[in-house]
mmCIF file of all heavy atoms, coordinates in Angstrom:
data_MODEL
# 
_entry.id   MODEL 
# 
loop_
_atom_site.group_PDB 
_atom_site.id 
_atom_site.type_symbol 
_atom_site.label_atom_id 
_atom_site.label_alt_id 
_atom_site.label_comp_id 
_atom_site.label_asym_id 
_atom_site.label_entity_id 
_atom_site.label_seq_id 
_atom_site.pdbx_PDB_ins_code 
_atom_site.Cartn_x 
_atom_site.Cartn_y 
_atom_site.Cartn_z 
_atom_site.occupancy 
_atom_site.B_iso_or_equiv 
_atom_site.pdbx_formal_charge 
_atom_site.auth_seq_id 
_atom_site.auth_comp_id 
_atom_site.auth_asym_id 
_atom_site.auth_atom_id 
_atom_site.pdbx_PDB_model_num 
ATOM 1   N N   . LEU A 1 1  ? -22.439 19.403 -3.561  1.00 0.00 ? 1  LEU A N   1 
ATOM 2   C CA  . LEU A 1 1  ? -21.643 18.440 -2.568  1.00 0.00 ? 1  LEU A CA  1 
ATOM 3   C C   . LEU A 1 1  ? -22.413 17.133 -2.727  1.00 0.00 ? 1  LEU A C   1 
ATOM 4   O O   . LEU A 1 1  ? -21.761 15.996 -2.751  1.00 0.00 ? 1  LEU A O   1 
ATOM 5   C CB  . LEU A 1 1  ? -21.642 18.893 -1.183  1.00 0.00 ? 1  LEU A CB  1 
ATOM 6   C CG  . LEU A 1 1  ? -20.716 20.131 -0.949  1.00 0.00 ? 1  LEU A CG  1 
ATOM 7   C CD1 . LEU A 1 1  ? -20.875 20.706 0.582   1.00 0.00 ? 1  LEU A CD1 1 
ATOM 8   C CD2 . LEU A 1 1  ? -19.242 19.855 -1.162  1.00 0.00 ? 1  LEU A CD2 1 
ATOM 9   N N   . ALA A 1 2  ? -23.669 17.109 -2.666  1.00 0.00 ? 2  ALA A N   1 
ATOM 10  C CA  . ALA A 1 2  ? -24.488 15.815 -2.791  1.00 0.00 ? 2  ALA A CA  1 
ATOM 11  C C   . ALA A 1 2  ? -24.168 15.224 -4.053  1.00 0.00 ? 2  ALA A C   1 
ATOM 12  O O   . ALA A 1 2  ? -24.056 13.883 -4.224  1.00 0.00 ? 2  ALA A O   1 
ATOM 13  C CB  . ALA A 1 2  ? -25.946 16.100 -2.536  1.00 0.00 ? 2  ALA A CB  1 
ATOM 14  N N   . PHE A 1 3  ? -24.213 15.990 -5.193  1.00 0.00 ? 3  PHE A N   1 
ATOM 15  C CA  . PHE A 1 3  ? -23.907 15.554 -6.506  1.00 0.00 ? 3  PHE A CA  1 
ATOM 16  C C   . PHE A 1 3  ? -22.509 14.825 -6.581  1.00 0.00 ? 3  PHE A C   1 
ATOM 17  O O   . PHE A 1 3  ? -22.432 13.751 -7.128  1.00 0.00 ? 3  PHE A O   1 
ATOM 18  C CB  . PHE A 1 3  ? -24.081 16.420 -7.541  1.00 0.00 ? 3  PHE A CB  1 
ATOM 19  C CG  . PHE A 1 3  ? -23.670 16.010 -8.901  1.00 0.00 ? 3  PHE A CG  1 
ATOM 20  C CD1 . PHE A 1 3  ? -24.637 15.200 -9.598  1.00 0.00 ? 3  PHE A CD1 1 
ATOM 21  C CD2 . PHE A 1 3  ? -22.554 16.434 -9.472  1.00 0.00 ? 3  PHE A CD2 1 
ATOM 22  C CE1 . PHE A 1 3  ? -24.129 14.883 -11.014 1.00 0.00 ? 3  PHE A CE1 1 
ATOM 23  C CE2 . PHE A 1 3  ? -22.173 16.101 -10.715 1.00 0.00 ? 3  PHE A CE2 1 
ATOM 24  C CZ  . PHE A 1 3  ? -22.954 15.269 -11.496 1.00 0.00 ? 3  PHE A CZ  1 
ATOM 25  N N   . GLU A 1 4  ? -21.584 15.570 -5.984  1.00 0.00 ? 4  GLU A N   1 
ATOM 26  C CA  . GLU A 1 4  ? -20.113 15.070 -6.082  1.00 0.00 ? 4  GLU A CA  1 
ATOM 27  C C   . GLU A 1 4  ? -19.961 13.819 -5.163  1.00 0.00 ? 4  GLU A C   1 
ATOM 28  O O   . GLU A 1 4  ? -19.340 12.878 -5.648  1.00 0.00 ? 4  GLU A O   1 
ATOM 29  C CB  . GLU A 1 4  ? -19.244 16.171 -5.561  1.00 0.00 ? 4  GLU A CB  1 
ATOM 30  C CG  . GLU A 1 4  ? -19.058 17.335 -6.555  1.00 0.00 ? 4  GLU A CG  1 
ATOM 31  C CD  . GLU A 1 4  ? -18.174 18.360 -5.995  1.00 0.00 ? 4  GLU A CD  1 
ATOM 32  O OE1 . GLU A 1 4  ? -17.867 18.393 -4.794  1.00 0.00 ? 4  GLU A OE1 1 
ATOM 33  O OE2 . GLU A 1 4  ? -17.812 19.462 -6.733  1.00 0.00 ? 4  GLU A OE2 1 
ATOM 34  N N   . LYS A 1 5  ? -20.727 13.772 -4.017  1.00 0.00 ? 5  LYS A N   1 
ATOM 35  C CA  . LYS A 1 5  ? -20.799 12.550 -3.198  1.00 0.00 ? 5  LYS A CA  1 
ATOM 36  C C   . LYS A 1 5  ? -21.311 11.329 -4.042  1.00 0.00 ? 5  LYS A C   1 
ATOM 37  O O   . LYS A 1 5  ? -20.687 10.347 -3.999  1.00 0.00 ? 5  LYS A O   1 
ATOM 38  C CB  . LYS A 1 5  ? -21.438 12.843 -1.883  1.00 0.00 ? 5  LYS A CB  1 
ATOM 39  C CG  . LYS A 1 5  ? -21.323 11.695 -1.085  1.00 0.00 ? 5  LYS A CG  1 
ATOM 40  C CD  . LYS A 1 5  ? -22.164 11.961 0.264   1.00 0.00 ? 5  LYS A CD  1 
ATOM 41  C CE  . LYS A 1 5  ? -22.016 10.842 1.226   1.00 0.00 ? 5  LYS A CE  1 
ATOM 42  N NZ  . LYS A 1 5  ? -22.786 11.198 2.491   1.00 0.00 ? 5  LYS A NZ  1 
ATOM 43  N N   . ALA A 1 6  ? -22.452 11.563 -4.554  1.00 0.00 ? 6  ALA A N   1 
ATOM 44  C CA  . ALA A 1 6  ? -23.064 10.462 -5.475  1.00 0.00 ? 6  ALA A CA  1 
ATOM 45  C C   . ALA A 1 6  ? -22.241 10.066 -6.525  1.00 0.00 ? 6  ALA A C   1 
ATOM 46  O O   . ALA A 1 6  ? -22.168 8.905  -6.904  1.00 0.00 ? 6  ALA A O   1 
ATOM 47  C CB  . ALA A 1 6  ? -24.551 11.035 -5.970  1.00 0.00 ? 6  ALA A CB  1 
ATOM 48  N N   . LEU A 1 7  ? -21.597 11.000 -7.229  1.00 0.00 ? 7  LEU A N   1 
ATOM 49  C CA  . LEU A 1 7  ? -20.687 10.805 -8.298  1.00 0.00 ? 7  LEU A CA  1 
ATOM 50  C C   . LEU A 1 7  ? -19.584 9.957  -7.909  1.00 0.00 ? 7  LEU A C   1 
ATOM 51  O O   . LEU A 1 7  ? -19.249 8.914  -8.561  1.00 0.00 ? 7  LEU A O   1 
ATOM 52  C CB  . LEU A 1 7  ? -20.252 12.028 -9.054  1.00 0.00 ? 7  LEU A CB  1 
ATOM 53  C CG  . LEU A 1 7  ? -19.442 11.973 -10.306 1.00 0.00 ? 7  LEU A CG  1 
ATOM 54  C CD1 . LEU A 1 7  ? -20.149 11.231 -11.394 1.00 0.00 ? 7  LEU A CD1 1 
ATOM 55  C CD2 . LEU A 1 7  ? -19.051 13.317 -10.781 1.00 0.00 ? 7  LEU A CD2 1 
ATOM 56  N N   . SER A 1 8  ? -18.962 10.388 -6.754  1.00 0.00 ? 8  SER A N   1 
ATOM 57  C CA  . SER A 1 8  ? -17.801 9.721  -6.202  1.00 0.00 ? 8  SER A CA  1 
ATOM 58  C C   . SER A 1 8  ? -18.161 8.218  -5.945  1.00 0.00 ? 8  SER A C   1 
ATOM 59  O O   . SER A 1 8  ? -17.412 7.219  -6.305  1.00 0.00 ? 8  SER A O   1 
ATOM 60  C CB  . SER A 1 8  ? -17.320 10.344 -4.953  1.00 0.00 ? 8  SER A CB  1 
ATOM 61  O OG  . SER A 1 8  ? -16.330 9.574  -4.426  1.00 0.00 ? 8  SER A OG  1 
ATOM 62  N N   . SER A 1 9  ? -19.396 8.053  -5.413  1.00 0.00 ? 9  SER A N   1 
ATOM 63  C CA  . SER A 1 9  ? -19.906 6.787  -5.049  1.00 0.00 ? 9  SER A CA  1 
ATOM 64  C C   . SER A 1 9  ? -20.056 5.935  -6.302  1.00 0.00 ? 9  SER A C   1 
ATOM 65  O O   . SER A 1 9  ? -19.672 4.761  -6.373  1.00 0.00 ? 9  SER A O   1 
ATOM 66  C CB  . SER A 1 9  ? -21.172 6.789  -4.225  1.00 0.00 ? 9  SER A CB  1 
ATOM 67  O OG  . SER A 1 9  ? -21.756 5.543  -4.035  1.00 0.00 ? 9  SER A OG  1 
ATOM 68  N N   . VAL A 1 10 ? -20.625 6.513  -7.272  1.00 0.00 ? 10 VAL A N   1 
ATOM 69  C CA  . VAL A 1 10 ? -20.921 5.786  -8.482  1.00 0.00 ? 10 VAL A CA  1 
ATOM 70  C C   . VAL A 1 10 ? -19.479 5.413  -9.121  1.00 0.00 ? 10 VAL A C   1 
ATOM 71  O O   . VAL A 1 10 ? -19.383 4.336  -9.784  1.00 0.00 ? 10 VAL A O   1 
ATOM 72  C CB  . VAL A 1 10 ? -21.706 6.602  -9.477  1.00 0.00 ? 10 VAL A CB  1 
ATOM 73  C CG1 . VAL A 1 10 ? -21.700 6.075  -11.015 1.00 0.00 ? 10 VAL A CG1 1 
ATOM 74  C CG2 . VAL A 1 10 ? -23.082 6.785  -9.019  1.00 0.00 ? 10 VAL A CG2 1 
ATOM 75  N N   . LYS A 1 11 ? -18.595 6.305  -9.124  1.00 0.00 ? 11 LYS A N   1 
ATOM 76  C CA  . LYS A 1 11 ? -17.260 6.072  -9.775  1.00 0.00 ? 11 LYS A CA  1 
ATOM 77  C C   . LYS A 1 11 ? -16.563 4.873  -9.094  1.00 0.00 ? 11 LYS A C   1 
ATOM 78  O O   . LYS A 1 11 ? -16.004 3.987  -9.596  1.00 0.00 ? 11 LYS A O   1 
ATOM 79  C CB  . LYS A 1 11 ? -16.403 7.267  -9.674  1.00 0.00 ? 11 LYS A CB  1 
ATOM 80  C CG  . LYS A 1 11 ? -16.699 8.262  -10.777 1.00 0.00 ? 11 LYS A CG  1 
ATOM 81  C CD  . LYS A 1 11 ? -15.711 9.461  -10.685 1.00 0.00 ? 11 LYS A CD  1 
ATOM 82  C CE  . LYS A 1 11 ? -15.999 10.486 -11.739 1.00 0.00 ? 11 LYS A CE  1 
ATOM 83  N NZ  . LYS A 1 11 ? -15.138 11.552 -11.625 1.00 0.00 ? 11 LYS A NZ  1 
ATOM 84  N N   . SER A 1 12 ? -16.681 5.052  -7.692  1.00 0.00 ? 12 SER A N   1 
ATOM 85  C CA  . SER A 1 12 ? -15.998 3.839  -6.968  1.00 0.00 ? 12 SER A CA  1 
ATOM 86  C C   . SER A 1 12 ? -16.619 2.529  -7.291  1.00 0.00 ? 12 SER A C   1 
ATOM 87  O O   . SER A 1 12 ? -15.930 1.464  -7.397  1.00 0.00 ? 12 SER A O   1 
ATOM 88  C CB  . SER A 1 12 ? -15.966 4.161  -5.493  1.00 0.00 ? 12 SER A CB  1 
ATOM 89  O OG  . SER A 1 12 ? -17.232 4.042  -4.868  1.00 0.00 ? 12 SER A OG  1 
ATOM 90  N N   . ARG A 1 13 ? -18.007 2.506  -7.375  1.00 0.00 ? 13 ARG A N   1 
ATOM 91  C CA  . ARG A 1 13 ? -18.761 1.327  -7.631  1.00 0.00 ? 13 ARG A CA  1 
ATOM 92  C C   . ARG A 1 13 ? -18.288 0.866  -9.141  1.00 0.00 ? 13 ARG A C   1 
ATOM 93  O O   . ARG A 1 13 ? -18.199 -0.364 -9.383  1.00 0.00 ? 13 ARG A O   1 
ATOM 94  C CB  . ARG A 1 13 ? -20.290 1.385  -7.511  1.00 0.00 ? 13 ARG A CB  1 
ATOM 95  C CG  . ARG A 1 13 ? -20.679 1.101  -6.091  1.00 0.00 ? 13 ARG A CG  1 
ATOM 96  C CD  . ARG A 1 13 ? -22.242 1.076  -6.092  1.00 0.00 ? 13 ARG A CD  1 
ATOM 97  N NE  . ARG A 1 13 ? -22.629 2.374  -5.749  1.00 0.00 ? 13 ARG A NE  1 
ATOM 98  C CZ  . ARG A 1 13 ? -23.710 2.980  -6.216  1.00 0.00 ? 13 ARG A CZ  1 
ATOM 99  N NH1 . ARG A 1 13 ? -24.349 2.343  -7.073  1.00 0.00 ? 13 ARG A NH1 1 
ATOM 100 N NH2 . ARG A 1 13 ? -24.065 4.191  -5.836  1.00 0.00 ? 13 ARG A NH2 1 
ATOM 101 N N   . ALA A 1 14 ? -18.269 1.740  -10.019 1.00 0.00 ? 14 ALA A N   1 
ATOM 102 C CA  . ALA A 1 14 ? -17.845 1.605  -11.355 1.00 0.00 ? 14 ALA A CA  1 
ATOM 103 C C   . ALA A 1 14 ? -16.548 0.947  -11.444 1.00 0.00 ? 14 ALA A C   1 
ATOM 104 O O   . ALA A 1 14 ? -16.253 -0.156 -12.263 1.00 0.00 ? 14 ALA A O   1 
ATOM 105 C CB  . ALA A 1 14 ? -17.907 2.730  -12.256 1.00 0.00 ? 14 ALA A CB  1 
ATOM 106 N N   . LEU A 1 15 ? -15.571 1.397  -10.670 1.00 0.00 ? 15 LEU A N   1 
ATOM 107 C CA  . LEU A 1 15 ? -14.296 0.844  -10.760 1.00 0.00 ? 15 LEU A CA  1 
ATOM 108 C C   . LEU A 1 15 ? -14.175 -0.611 -10.101 1.00 0.00 ? 15 LEU A C   1 
ATOM 109 O O   . LEU A 1 15 ? -13.483 -1.433 -10.623 1.00 0.00 ? 15 LEU A O   1 
ATOM 110 C CB  . LEU A 1 15 ? -13.260 1.792  -9.902  1.00 0.00 ? 15 LEU A CB  1 
ATOM 111 C CG  . LEU A 1 15 ? -12.975 3.069  -10.558 1.00 0.00 ? 15 LEU A CG  1 
ATOM 112 C CD1 . LEU A 1 15 ? -12.221 3.953  -9.565  1.00 0.00 ? 15 LEU A CD1 1 
ATOM 113 C CD2 . LEU A 1 15 ? -12.139 2.851  -11.976 1.00 0.00 ? 15 LEU A CD2 1 
ATOM 114 N N   . GLN A 1 16 ? -15.058 -0.766 -9.098  1.00 0.00 ? 16 GLN A N   1 
ATOM 115 C CA  . GLN A 1 16 ? -15.090 -2.153 -8.407  1.00 0.00 ? 16 GLN A CA  1 
ATOM 116 C C   . GLN A 1 16 ? -15.834 -3.124 -9.392  1.00 0.00 ? 16 GLN A C   1 
ATOM 117 O O   . GLN A 1 16 ? -15.418 -4.272 -9.369  1.00 0.00 ? 16 GLN A O   1 
ATOM 118 C CB  . GLN A 1 16 ? -15.994 -2.089 -7.130  1.00 0.00 ? 16 GLN A CB  1 
ATOM 119 C CG  . GLN A 1 16 ? -15.125 -1.268 -6.063  1.00 0.00 ? 16 GLN A CG  1 
ATOM 120 C CD  . GLN A 1 16 ? -16.017 -0.945 -4.771  1.00 0.00 ? 16 GLN A CD  1 
ATOM 121 O OE1 . GLN A 1 16 ? -17.135 -1.427 -4.907  1.00 0.00 ? 16 GLN A OE1 1 
ATOM 122 N NE2 . GLN A 1 16 ? -15.554 -0.294 -3.937  1.00 0.00 ? 16 GLN A NE2 1 
ATOM 123 N N   . GLU A 1 17 ? -16.725 -2.683 -10.118 1.00 0.00 ? 17 GLU A N   1 
ATOM 124 C CA  . GLU A 1 17 ? -17.454 -3.602 -11.075 1.00 0.00 ? 17 GLU A CA  1 
ATOM 125 C C   . GLU A 1 17 ? -17.410 -3.313 -12.384 1.00 0.00 ? 17 GLU A C   1 
ATOM 126 O O   . GLU A 1 17 ? -18.270 -2.719 -13.016 1.00 0.00 ? 17 GLU A O   1 
ATOM 127 C CB  . GLU A 1 17 ? -18.921 -3.582 -10.593 1.00 0.00 ? 17 GLU A CB  1 
ATOM 128 C CG  . GLU A 1 17 ? -19.170 -3.891 -9.064  1.00 0.00 ? 17 GLU A CG  1 
ATOM 129 C CD  . GLU A 1 17 ? -20.625 -3.625 -8.627  1.00 0.00 ? 17 GLU A CD  1 
ATOM 130 O OE1 . GLU A 1 17 ? -21.432 -3.366 -9.573  1.00 0.00 ? 17 GLU A OE1 1 
ATOM 131 O OE2 . GLU A 1 17 ? -20.861 -3.696 -7.421  1.00 0.00 ? 17 GLU A OE2 1 
ATOM 132 N N   . SER A 1 18 ? -16.144 -3.496 -12.968 1.00 0.00 ? 18 SER A N   1 
ATOM 133 C CA  . SER A 1 18 ? -15.804 -3.084 -14.319 1.00 0.00 ? 18 SER A CA  1 
ATOM 134 C C   . SER A 1 18 ? -16.761 -3.764 -15.411 1.00 0.00 ? 18 SER A C   1 
ATOM 135 O O   . SER A 1 18 ? -17.063 -3.173 -16.343 1.00 0.00 ? 18 SER A O   1 
ATOM 136 C CB  . SER A 1 18 ? -14.350 -3.276 -14.647 1.00 0.00 ? 18 SER A CB  1 
ATOM 137 O OG  . SER A 1 18 ? -14.169 -4.786 -14.494 1.00 0.00 ? 18 SER A OG  1 
ATOM 138 N N   . SER A 1 19 ? -17.079 -4.901 -15.169 1.00 0.00 ? 19 SER A N   1 
ATOM 139 C CA  . SER A 1 19 ? -18.015 -5.686 -16.090 1.00 0.00 ? 19 SER A CA  1 
ATOM 140 C C   . SER A 1 19 ? -19.321 -5.158 -16.157 1.00 0.00 ? 19 SER A C   1 
ATOM 141 O O   . SER A 1 19 ? -19.912 -4.907 -17.232 1.00 0.00 ? 19 SER A O   1 
ATOM 142 C CB  . SER A 1 19 ? -17.977 -7.149 -15.784 1.00 0.00 ? 19 SER A CB  1 
ATOM 143 O OG  . SER A 1 19 ? -18.685 -7.474 -14.543 1.00 0.00 ? 19 SER A OG  1 
ATOM 144 N N   . LYS A 1 20 ? -19.884 -4.729 -14.964 1.00 0.00 ? 20 LYS A N   1 
ATOM 145 C CA  . LYS A 1 20 ? -21.152 -4.089 -14.915 1.00 0.00 ? 20 LYS A CA  1 
ATOM 146 C C   . LYS A 1 20 ? -21.141 -2.662 -15.519 1.00 0.00 ? 20 LYS A C   1 
ATOM 147 O O   . LYS A 1 20 ? -22.000 -2.306 -16.268 1.00 0.00 ? 20 LYS A O   1 
ATOM 148 C CB  . LYS A 1 20 ? -21.594 -3.961 -13.522 1.00 0.00 ? 20 LYS A CB  1 
ATOM 149 C CG  . LYS A 1 20 ? -22.036 -5.357 -12.744 1.00 0.00 ? 20 LYS A CG  1 
ATOM 150 C CD  . LYS A 1 20 ? -22.623 -4.981 -11.408 1.00 0.00 ? 20 LYS A CD  1 
ATOM 151 C CE  . LYS A 1 20 ? -23.145 -6.266 -10.926 1.00 0.00 ? 20 LYS A CE  1 
ATOM 152 N NZ  . LYS A 1 20 ? -23.665 -6.146 -9.413  1.00 0.00 ? 20 LYS A NZ  1 
ATOM 153 N N   . LYS A 1 21 ? -19.901 -2.103 -15.500 1.00 0.00 ? 21 LYS A N   1 
ATOM 154 C CA  . LYS A 1 21 ? -19.805 -0.772 -16.082 1.00 0.00 ? 21 LYS A CA  1 
ATOM 155 C C   . LYS A 1 21 ? -19.868 -0.871 -17.571 1.00 0.00 ? 21 LYS A C   1 
ATOM 156 O O   . LYS A 1 21 ? -20.582 -0.060 -18.258 1.00 0.00 ? 21 LYS A O   1 
ATOM 157 C CB  . LYS A 1 21 ? -18.551 -0.100 -15.650 1.00 0.00 ? 21 LYS A CB  1 
ATOM 158 C CG  . LYS A 1 21 ? -18.224 1.272  -16.344 1.00 0.00 ? 21 LYS A CG  1 
ATOM 159 C CD  . LYS A 1 21 ? -16.857 1.799  -15.946 1.00 0.00 ? 21 LYS A CD  1 
ATOM 160 C CE  . LYS A 1 21 ? -15.927 1.361  -17.062 1.00 0.00 ? 21 LYS A CE  1 
ATOM 161 N NZ  . LYS A 1 21 ? -14.625 1.900  -16.858 1.00 0.00 ? 21 LYS A NZ  1 
ATOM 162 N N   . ASP A 1 22 ? -19.286 -1.846 -18.145 1.00 0.00 ? 22 ASP A N   1 
ATOM 163 C CA  . ASP A 1 22 ? -19.315 -2.064 -19.537 1.00 0.00 ? 22 ASP A CA  1 
ATOM 164 C C   . ASP A 1 22 ? -20.839 -2.372 -19.990 1.00 0.00 ? 22 ASP A C   1 
ATOM 165 O O   . ASP A 1 22 ? -21.234 -1.927 -21.086 1.00 0.00 ? 22 ASP A O   1 
ATOM 166 C CB  . ASP A 1 22 ? -18.473 -3.177 -19.970 1.00 0.00 ? 22 ASP A CB  1 
ATOM 167 C CG  . ASP A 1 22 ? -16.815 -2.801 -19.799 1.00 0.00 ? 22 ASP A CG  1 
ATOM 168 O OD1 . ASP A 1 22 ? -16.658 -1.630 -19.846 1.00 0.00 ? 22 ASP A OD1 1 
ATOM 169 O OD2 . ASP A 1 22 ? -16.094 -3.800 -19.674 1.00 0.00 ? 22 ASP A OD2 1 
ATOM 170 N N   . GLN A 1 23 ? -21.471 -3.180 -19.233 1.00 0.00 ? 23 GLN A N   1 
ATOM 171 C CA  . GLN A 1 23 ? -22.848 -3.408 -19.472 1.00 0.00 ? 23 GLN A CA  1 
ATOM 172 C C   . GLN A 1 23 ? -23.724 -2.247 -19.387 1.00 0.00 ? 23 GLN A C   1 
ATOM 173 O O   . GLN A 1 23 ? -24.630 -2.001 -20.345 1.00 0.00 ? 23 GLN A O   1 
ATOM 174 C CB  . GLN A 1 23 ? -23.375 -4.570 -18.527 1.00 0.00 ? 23 GLN A CB  1 
ATOM 175 C CG  . GLN A 1 23 ? -22.799 -5.959 -18.733 1.00 0.00 ? 23 GLN A CG  1 
ATOM 176 C CD  . GLN A 1 23 ? -23.247 -6.871 -17.684 1.00 0.00 ? 23 GLN A CD  1 
ATOM 177 O OE1 . GLN A 1 23 ? -24.000 -6.485 -16.778 1.00 0.00 ? 23 GLN A OE1 1 
ATOM 178 N NE2 . GLN A 1 23 ? -22.762 -8.201 -17.809 1.00 0.00 ? 23 GLN A NE2 1 
ATOM 179 N N   . LEU A 1 24 ? -23.388 -1.365 -18.435 1.00 0.00 ? 24 LEU A N   1 
ATOM 180 C CA  . LEU A 1 24 ? -24.173 -0.216 -18.256 1.00 0.00 ? 24 LEU A CA  1 
ATOM 181 C C   . LEU A 1 24 ? -23.901 0.830  -19.453 1.00 0.00 ? 24 LEU A C   1 
ATOM 182 O O   . LEU A 1 24 ? -24.883 1.473  -19.942 1.00 0.00 ? 24 LEU A O   1 
ATOM 183 C CB  . LEU A 1 24 ? -23.843 0.522  -16.937 1.00 0.00 ? 24 LEU A CB  1 
ATOM 184 C CG  . LEU A 1 24 ? -24.427 -0.076 -15.710 1.00 0.00 ? 24 LEU A CG  1 
ATOM 185 C CD1 . LEU A 1 24 ? -23.890 0.692  -14.492 1.00 0.00 ? 24 LEU A CD1 1 
ATOM 186 C CD2 . LEU A 1 24 ? -25.934 -0.012 -15.691 1.00 0.00 ? 24 LEU A CD2 1 
ATOM 187 N N   . ILE A 1 25 ? -22.729 0.862  -19.829 1.00 0.00 ? 25 ILE A N   1 
ATOM 188 C CA  . ILE A 1 25 ? -22.300 1.718  -20.990 1.00 0.00 ? 25 ILE A CA  1 
ATOM 189 C C   . ILE A 1 25 ? -23.063 1.184  -22.262 1.00 0.00 ? 25 ILE A C   1 
ATOM 190 O O   . ILE A 1 25 ? -23.678 1.972  -23.022 1.00 0.00 ? 25 ILE A O   1 
ATOM 191 C CB  . ILE A 1 25 ? -20.715 1.809  -21.221 1.00 0.00 ? 25 ILE A CB  1 
ATOM 192 C CG1 . ILE A 1 25 ? -20.177 2.564  -20.138 1.00 0.00 ? 25 ILE A CG1 1 
ATOM 193 C CG2 . ILE A 1 25 ? -20.514 2.502  -22.628 1.00 0.00 ? 25 ILE A CG2 1 
ATOM 194 C CD1 . ILE A 1 25 ? -18.680 2.510  -20.156 1.00 0.00 ? 25 ILE A CD1 1 
# 
């Protein structure tokens, strides 16, 4: 559950910050 929560949080942030996501990739 903690992992899924963290993953969900990361996904939502990744969607909000698409440019940062590309940089992270």
